[in-house]
Amino acid sequence: MYHFTEDCLIGIAQIDEEHRHLFEIINGVMELIHNDVVMDKYHQIEALLEDLREYADTHFEHEEAYMESIQDPELPMQKKQHAQFREKIDMLDLAGKDTPEEQQETLEELMRYLTRWLYHHILSSDMMIGKMNPLKEEENPAEFTDKYLTGVEMIDREHKKLFEIIARANELIKAELLHDKYDEIVSILDELRDYTKEHFSDEEEYMEQINYSRIDAQKRAHESFIERLTEINLEEVDDNQQQYLEELMDFLLGWLINHILKADKLIGEESREKC
């Protein structure tokens, strides 16, 4: 069973409730996969697909309308991801799949896609809906302060390094005399990808050592962030460097701050409880 836990809350009541319904749909798919009593699952699968289509039509409309109302810069990317979801669900056609084996194959394909979508989209994209622009809140938003300390020395040291990498992006934003920032942006992104992978690996190894209770949710969040970094289109970077850099800065800082305060601090708390 997939549980709607705090790490999946984005803080917007309607969107959170609709995400909760997606969890229910996924659990319905899982139950049907493991239900060996029902041999012909055609009508049950059709009902699930119809529920997903209705979910897409209503939830995505609500989400996009909210993002438009607050002029969220992530809206174009969200629309693209939503369109891909609809297309994938429409492609799952049951026509001619009359045998239990064919129906089971469709269910398993649906399950793989939904679980990936669930965590990748919610934890890397939806989590950032409506987040305040860090650059407008603090004079130096990329400064690693005591409020980000988890109490685990290795994790805090590596978080500080991540902040230092992102601080270089902040400096690029302020470099008004530097017009072509492409090479520097690429350099920062490469370093960020490499160090983030290293940090997540170290953090997950530590969580395994202390038998951390929320390790699965942490791993999913890490995977989603890495995927988001790999999706960056460098051609778009070169087209509008300043705007892209500002939006990238907002996302990186927003995600990192949100993840540390909402998730990573819990590692330190549980570690101290077990000592």
Protein backbone atom coordinates (compact mmCIF):
# COMPACT_ATOMS: atom_id res chain seq x y z
CA MET A 1 0.00 0.00 0.00
CA TYR A 2 1.11 3.55 -0.76
CA HIS A 3 0.48 6.00 2.05
CA PHE A 4 -0.07 9.72 1.67
CA THR A 5 2.51 11.00 4.15
CA GLU A 6 3.67 14.45 5.21
CA ASP A 7 6.51 14.48 2.70
CA CYS A 8 3.87 14.57 -0.07
CA LEU A 9 1.98 17.57 1.32
CA ILE A 10 2.51 20.78 -0.63
CA GLY A 11 0.38 22.94 1.67
CA ILE A 12 -2.50 23.74 -0.70
CA ALA A 13 -5.63 22.00 0.62
CA GLN A 14 -7.44 21.25 -2.65
CA ILE A 15 -4.31 20.03 -4.45
CA ASP A 16 -3.26 17.91 -1.47
CA GLU A 17 -6.71 16.30 -1.32
CA GLU A 18 -6.61 15.51 -5.04
CA HIS A 19 -3.12 14.03 -4.66
CA ARG A 20 -4.52 11.88 -1.87
CA HIS A 21 -7.08 10.54 -4.36
CA LEU A 22 -4.28 9.58 -6.74
CA PHE A 23 -2.78 7.48 -3.96
CA GLU A 24 -6.14 5.75 -3.60
CA ILE A 25 -6.25 4.99 -7.32
CA ILE A 26 -2.74 3.55 -7.23
CA ASN A 27 -3.63 1.36 -4.28
CA GLY A 28 -6.65 0.18 -6.27
CA VAL A 29 -4.34 -0.82 -9.12
CA MET A 30 -2.10 -2.70 -6.68
CA GLU A 31 -5.02 -4.57 -5.16
CA LEU A 32 -6.27 -5.58 -8.59
CA ILE A 33 -2.79 -6.80 -9.59
CA HIS A 34 -2.66 -9.09 -6.58
CA ASN A 35 -6.28 -10.24 -6.80
CA ASP A 36 -5.91 -13.76 -8.19
CA VAL A 37 -9.57 -14.59 -7.61
CA VAL A 38 -10.78 -12.35 -10.42
CA MET A 39 -9.52 -13.82 -13.69
CA ASP A 40 -11.16 -11.42 -16.14
CA LYS A 41 -10.22 -7.93 -14.97
CA TYR A 42 -11.24 -6.06 -18.10
CA HIS A 43 -14.08 -4.04 -16.56
CA GLN A 44 -12.14 -3.26 -13.38
CA ILE A 45 -9.19 -1.97 -15.43
CA GLU A 46 -11.51 0.13 -17.59
CA ALA A 47 -13.00 1.65 -14.44
CA LEU A 48 -9.53 2.49 -13.12
CA LEU A 49 -8.49 4.10 -16.41
CA GLU A 50 -11.69 6.13 -16.48
CA ASP A 51 -11.02 7.29 -12.93
CA LEU A 52 -7.54 8.37 -13.98
CA ARG A 53 -8.85 10.27 -17.00
CA GLU A 54 -11.36 12.07 -14.82
CA TYR A 55 -8.60 12.75 -12.28
CA ALA A 56 -6.41 14.25 -14.99
CA ASP A 57 -9.20 16.45 -16.36
CA THR A 58 -10.20 17.88 -12.98
CA HIS A 59 -6.97 17.91 -10.97
CA PHE A 60 -4.77 19.33 -13.70
CA GLU A 61 -7.35 22.03 -14.45
CA HIS A 62 -7.46 23.02 -10.78
CA GLU A 63 -3.68 22.94 -10.42
CA GLU A 64 -3.00 24.97 -13.55
CA ALA A 65 -5.69 27.52 -12.67
CA TYR A 66 -4.14 28.02 -9.24
CA MET A 67 -0.64 28.38 -10.70
CA GLU A 68 -1.93 30.88 -13.24
CA SER A 69 -3.63 32.90 -10.50
CA ILE A 70 -0.33 33.31 -8.64
CA GLN A 71 1.70 33.70 -11.87
CA ASP A 72 3.84 30.70 -11.04
CA PRO A 73 6.81 30.52 -13.47
CA GLU A 74 6.70 26.71 -13.36
CA LEU A 75 3.30 26.64 -15.12
CA PRO A 76 4.61 25.90 -18.66
CA MET A 77 6.61 22.92 -17.42
CA GLN A 78 3.63 21.69 -15.40
CA LYS A 79 1.36 21.88 -18.45
CA LYS A 80 3.87 19.85 -20.44
CA GLN A 81 4.06 17.16 -17.75
CA HIS A 82 0.27 17.07 -17.43
CA ALA A 83 -0.11 16.60 -21.19
CA GLN A 84 2.37 13.71 -21.09
CA PHE A 85 0.34 12.06 -18.32
CA ARG A 86 -2.88 12.32 -20.30
CA GLU A 87 -1.19 10.93 -23.39
CA LYS A 88 0.21 7.94 -21.48
CA ILE A 89 -3.16 7.05 -19.95
CA ASP A 90 -4.87 7.33 -23.34
CA MET A 91 -2.28 4.96 -24.81
CA LEU A 92 -3.23 2.20 -22.36
CA ASP A 93 -5.83 0.62 -24.62
CA LEU A 94 -7.51 -2.62 -23.56
CA ALA A 95 -8.86 -3.38 -27.02
CA GLY A 96 -8.09 -7.01 -27.88
CA LYS A 97 -6.58 -7.77 -24.49
CA ASP A 98 -8.94 -10.54 -23.50
CA THR A 99 -6.61 -12.95 -21.72
CA PRO A 100 -5.73 -12.61 -18.01
CA GLU A 101 -2.04 -12.45 -18.97
CA GLU A 102 -2.56 -9.46 -21.29
CA GLN A 103 -4.71 -7.68 -18.74
CA GLN A 104 -2.16 -8.30 -15.98
CA GLU A 105 0.56 -6.89 -18.21
CA THR A 106 -1.48 -3.71 -18.72
CA LEU A 107 -2.02 -3.38 -14.97
CA GLU A 108 1.68 -3.79 -14.21
CA GLU A 109 2.63 -1.23 -16.86
CA LEU A 110 0.09 1.18 -15.37
CA MET A 111 1.43 0.58 -11.87
CA ARG A 112 5.03 1.24 -12.89
CA TYR A 113 4.06 4.47 -14.61
CA LEU A 114 1.81 5.75 -11.82
CA THR A 115 4.28 5.15 -9.02
CA ARG A 116 7.02 6.93 -10.94
CA TRP A 117 4.68 9.80 -11.78
CA LEU A 118 3.37 9.99 -8.23
CA TYR A 119 6.68 10.70 -6.57
CA HIS A 120 8.57 12.31 -9.42
CA HIS A 121 5.86 14.85 -10.18
CA ILE A 122 4.66 15.60 -6.66
CA LEU A 123 8.07 15.69 -5.00
CA SER A 124 9.95 17.61 -7.67
CA SER A 125 7.30 19.75 -9.40
CA ASP A 126 4.14 20.14 -7.33
CA MET A 127 6.14 20.63 -4.15
CA MET A 128 7.33 23.97 -5.52
CA ILE A 129 3.89 25.39 -6.39
CA GLY A 130 3.35 28.72 -4.69
CA LYS A 131 6.66 28.77 -2.88
CA MET A 132 7.86 32.28 -2.18
CA ASN A 133 10.82 33.52 -4.18
CA PRO A 134 13.76 33.06 -1.81
CA LEU A 135 15.62 35.97 -3.42
CA LYS A 136 12.90 38.38 -2.26
CA GLU A 137 12.84 37.10 1.32
CA GLU A 138 16.47 37.37 2.31
CA GLU A 139 19.44 39.48 1.35
CA ASN A 140 21.60 36.38 0.97
CA PRO A 141 19.26 33.38 0.51
CA ALA A 142 22.13 31.03 -0.34
CA GLU A 143 23.77 31.44 3.06
CA PHE A 144 23.81 28.26 5.12
CA THR A 145 22.57 29.26 8.59
CA ASP A 146 21.91 27.39 11.83
CA LYS A 147 18.24 26.89 10.96
CA TYR A 148 19.29 24.29 8.38
CA LEU A 149 21.36 22.19 10.80
CA THR A 150 20.15 18.61 11.19
CA GLY A 151 22.60 17.66 13.94
CA VAL A 152 24.28 15.05 11.74
CA GLU A 153 27.76 16.38 11.02
CA MET A 154 28.26 14.71 7.64
CA ILE A 155 24.83 15.75 6.34
CA ASP A 156 25.26 19.34 7.54
CA ARG A 157 28.71 19.58 5.98
CA GLU A 158 27.44 18.37 2.61
CA HIS A 159 24.36 20.62 2.77
CA LYS A 160 26.67 23.55 3.32
CA LYS A 161 28.61 22.56 0.19
CA LEU A 162 25.35 22.44 -1.81
CA PHE A 163 24.51 25.94 -0.63
CA GLU A 164 27.97 27.10 -1.73
CA ILE A 165 27.41 25.73 -5.23
CA ILE A 166 24.02 27.44 -5.48
CA ALA A 167 25.58 30.65 -4.12
CA ARG A 168 27.70 30.75 -7.26
CA ALA A 169 24.50 30.85 -9.28
CA ASN A 170 23.30 33.74 -7.11
CA GLU A 171 26.52 35.60 -7.83
CA LEU A 172 26.01 35.06 -11.56
CA ILE A 173 22.56 36.61 -11.31
CA LYS A 174 24.07 39.75 -9.80
CA ALA A 175 26.93 39.93 -12.34
CA GLU A 176 25.34 42.62 -14.51
CA LEU A 177 28.50 43.25 -16.53
CA LEU A 178 28.78 39.62 -17.57
CA HIS A 179 26.43 39.19 -20.53
CA ASP A 180 27.30 35.67 -21.70
CA LYS A 181 26.91 33.39 -18.70
CA TYR A 182 26.37 30.13 -20.58
CA ASP A 183 29.67 28.43 -19.73
CA GLU A 184 29.36 29.34 -16.06
CA ILE A 185 25.78 28.03 -15.93
CA VAL A 186 26.82 24.73 -17.49
CA SER A 187 29.72 24.46 -15.04
CA ILE A 188 27.43 25.02 -12.06
CA LEU A 189 24.87 22.51 -13.30
CA ASP A 190 27.54 19.85 -13.89
CA GLU A 191 29.02 20.38 -10.44
CA LEU A 192 25.59 20.41 -8.84
CA ARG A 193 24.54 17.14 -10.51
CA ASP A 194 27.74 15.38 -9.47
CA TYR A 195 27.77 16.62 -5.90
CA THR A 196 24.06 16.07 -5.39
CA LYS A 197 24.41 12.42 -6.41
CA GLU A 198 27.37 12.06 -4.05
CA HIS A 199 25.48 13.72 -1.19
CA PHE A 200 22.31 11.69 -1.66
CA SER A 201 24.37 8.49 -1.73
CA ASP A 202 26.14 9.44 1.51
CA GLU A 203 22.86 10.46 3.15
CA GLU A 204 21.11 7.25 2.16
CA GLU A 205 24.03 5.17 3.43
CA TYR A 206 23.75 6.95 6.79
CA MET A 207 19.99 6.39 6.90
CA GLU A 208 20.52 2.68 6.28
CA GLN A 209 23.06 2.56 9.12
CA ILE A 210 20.55 3.95 11.62
CA ASN A 211 17.64 1.99 10.08
CA TYR A 212 15.83 5.25 9.34
CA SER A 213 12.04 4.77 9.23
CA ARG A 214 11.43 7.21 6.35
CA ILE A 215 14.26 6.09 4.07
CA ASP A 216 11.96 5.04 1.20
CA ALA A 217 10.35 8.50 1.02
CA GLN A 218 13.79 10.12 1.12
CA LYS A 219 15.08 7.96 -1.72
CA ARG A 220 12.05 8.84 -3.85
CA ALA A 221 12.58 12.55 -3.21
CA HIS A 222 16.26 12.24 -4.13
CA GLU A 223 15.48 10.38 -7.35
CA SER A 224 12.91 12.99 -8.32
CA PHE A 225 15.34 15.87 -7.79
CA ILE A 226 18.09 14.18 -9.80
CA GLU A 227 15.63 13.54 -12.65
CA ARG A 228 14.59 17.17 -12.57
CA LEU A 229 18.21 18.27 -12.91
CA THR A 230 18.74 15.96 -15.88
CA GLU A 231 15.67 17.41 -17.64
CA ILE A 232 17.24 20.87 -17.88
CA ASN A 233 17.36 21.95 -21.52
CA LEU A 234 20.65 23.76 -22.12
CA GLU A 235 19.34 25.24 -25.38
CA GLU A 236 16.71 27.11 -23.38
CA VAL A 237 19.46 28.31 -21.07
CA ASP A 238 21.28 30.01 -23.93
CA ASP A 239 18.12 31.64 -25.30
CA ASN A 240 17.34 33.64 -22.18
CA GLN A 241 20.19 33.28 -19.73
CA GLN A 242 19.21 35.82 -17.08
CA GLN A 243 15.57 34.73 -16.77
CA TYR A 244 16.54 31.07 -16.79
CA LEU A 245 19.20 31.59 -14.14
CA GLU A 246 16.76 33.40 -11.86
CA GLU A 247 14.13 30.67 -12.24
CA LEU A 248 16.76 27.96 -11.71
CA MET A 249 17.96 29.71 -8.57
CA ASP A 250 14.40 29.89 -7.24
CA PHE A 251 13.84 26.18 -7.86
CA LEU A 252 17.16 24.94 -6.49
CA LEU A 253 17.02 26.99 -3.32
CA GLY A 254 13.31 26.41 -2.84
CA TRP A 255 13.63 22.65 -3.20
CA LEU A 256 16.74 22.38 -1.05
CA ILE A 257 15.34 24.56 1.75
CA ASN A 258 12.00 22.77 1.69
CA HIS A 259 13.66 19.34 1.70
CA ILE A 260 16.06 20.13 4.53
CA LEU A 261 13.44 21.72 6.77
CA LYS A 262 10.66 19.20 6.06
CA ALA A 263 12.57 15.96 5.56
CA ASP A 264 16.27 16.00 6.42
CA LYS A 265 15.81 17.48 9.88
CA LEU A 266 13.77 14.40 10.76
CA ILE A 267 16.87 12.27 10.14
CA GLY A 268 18.69 14.11 12.89
CA GLU A 269 15.73 13.84 15.24
CA GLU A 270 15.40 10.08 14.77
CA SER A 271 19.16 9.62 15.02
CA ARG A 272 19.21 11.35 18.41
CA GLU A 273 16.25 9.30 19.63
CA LYS A 274 18.11 6.08 18.83
CA CYS A 275 21.34 7.10 20.53
